[in-house]
Amino acid sequence: MQVNFRLALACTLVAMVGCSQEAVQTVDWYTTHETARKATIDKCNGNPGESAKSPNCINAAAAHNALQYKVPPPSDRSSDKGF
């Protein structure tokens, strides 16, 4: 009986973790999906302490900056060697 309970608990936790993660979109995807980019940036700005380091927040911000300042996204700067 205890084994069945532990198995059920483990399956429930795995299902909860899998459902809570959203798909990660690329910088290129955000440059072509304006509505999603703006919505993601608004969500990230609304709770920067929790979501500012999420991949989607970073990618949406990079896409915004690339479009706003006409700078290629980080993935396209292969010739940029830094300082």
Protein backbone atom coordinates (compact mmCIF):
# COMPACT_ATOMS: atom_id res chain seq x y z
CA MET A 1 0.00 0.00 0.00
CA GLN A 2 2.80 2.38 0.89
CA VAL A 3 4.57 1.65 -2.44
CA ASN A 4 1.41 2.58 -4.37
CA PHE A 5 1.11 5.85 -2.44
CA ARG A 6 4.75 6.76 -3.15
CA LEU A 7 4.37 5.89 -6.81
CA ALA A 8 1.20 7.99 -7.08
CA LEU A 9 2.91 10.90 -5.31
CA ALA A 10 5.94 10.69 -7.60
CA CYS A 11 3.74 10.62 -10.72
CA THR A 12 1.75 13.61 -9.48
CA LEU A 13 4.91 15.65 -8.82
CA VAL A 14 6.35 14.82 -12.23
CA ALA A 15 3.08 15.82 -13.91
CA MET A 16 2.94 19.11 -12.00
CA VAL A 17 6.50 20.05 -12.91
CA GLY A 18 5.95 19.20 -16.57
CA CYS A 19 2.80 21.28 -16.80
CA SER A 20 4.22 24.37 -15.14
CA GLN A 21 6.95 25.01 -17.70
CA GLU A 22 6.13 27.07 -20.75
CA ALA A 23 7.75 26.56 -24.13
CA VAL A 24 10.88 28.63 -24.67
CA GLN A 25 10.76 30.77 -27.79
CA THR A 26 13.85 31.99 -29.63
CA VAL A 27 14.92 35.58 -30.24
CA ASP A 28 14.12 35.13 -33.94
CA TRP A 29 10.62 33.92 -33.06
CA TYR A 30 10.00 36.98 -30.88
CA THR A 31 11.19 39.34 -33.63
CA THR A 32 8.42 38.03 -35.90
CA HIS A 33 5.65 37.74 -33.25
CA GLU A 34 5.07 41.29 -32.04
CA THR A 35 1.99 40.57 -29.90
CA ALA A 36 3.69 37.72 -28.03
CA ARG A 37 6.88 39.77 -27.62
CA LYS A 38 5.01 42.70 -26.08
CA ALA A 39 2.92 40.44 -23.84
CA THR A 40 6.03 38.62 -22.60
CA ILE A 41 7.89 41.85 -21.90
CA ASP A 42 4.87 43.22 -20.00
CA LYS A 43 4.68 40.02 -17.95
CA CYS A 44 8.39 40.13 -17.20
CA ASN A 45 8.30 43.80 -16.22
CA GLY A 46 5.35 43.12 -13.92
CA ASN A 47 7.39 40.71 -11.80
CA PRO A 48 11.08 41.25 -12.58
CA GLY A 49 12.35 39.58 -9.42
CA GLU A 50 10.84 36.25 -10.37
CA SER A 51 10.76 36.24 -14.14
CA ALA A 52 13.51 38.55 -15.41
CA LYS A 53 16.00 35.69 -15.70
CA SER A 54 13.63 33.35 -17.51
CA PRO A 55 14.68 32.36 -21.05
CA ASN A 56 11.54 33.87 -22.58
CA CYS A 57 12.06 37.22 -20.83
CA ILE A 58 15.67 37.35 -21.99
CA ASN A 59 14.78 36.35 -25.56
CA ALA A 60 11.84 38.78 -25.81
CA ALA A 61 14.02 41.63 -24.50
CA ALA A 62 16.82 40.74 -26.95
CA ALA A 63 14.33 40.73 -29.82
CA HIS A 64 12.93 44.09 -28.71
CA ASN A 65 16.43 45.58 -28.53
CA ALA A 66 17.39 44.14 -31.91
CA LEU A 67 14.31 45.73 -33.49
CA GLN A 68 14.43 48.99 -31.53
CA TYR A 69 18.11 49.72 -32.07
CA LYS A 70 18.60 47.76 -35.30
CA VAL A 71 21.24 45.60 -33.64
CA PRO A 72 21.52 41.96 -34.65
CA PRO A 73 20.40 39.54 -31.93
CA PRO A 74 23.18 37.88 -29.88
CA SER A 75 23.02 34.66 -31.93
CA ASP A 76 23.84 36.62 -35.12
CA ARG A 77 26.95 38.34 -33.78
CA SER A 78 29.38 35.59 -34.69
CA SER A 79 32.06 38.08 -35.73
CA ASP A 80 31.83 40.03 -32.44
CA LYS A 81 34.83 38.92 -30.42
CA GLY A 82 34.36 41.37 -27.55
CA PHE A 83 36.99 43.76 -26.30
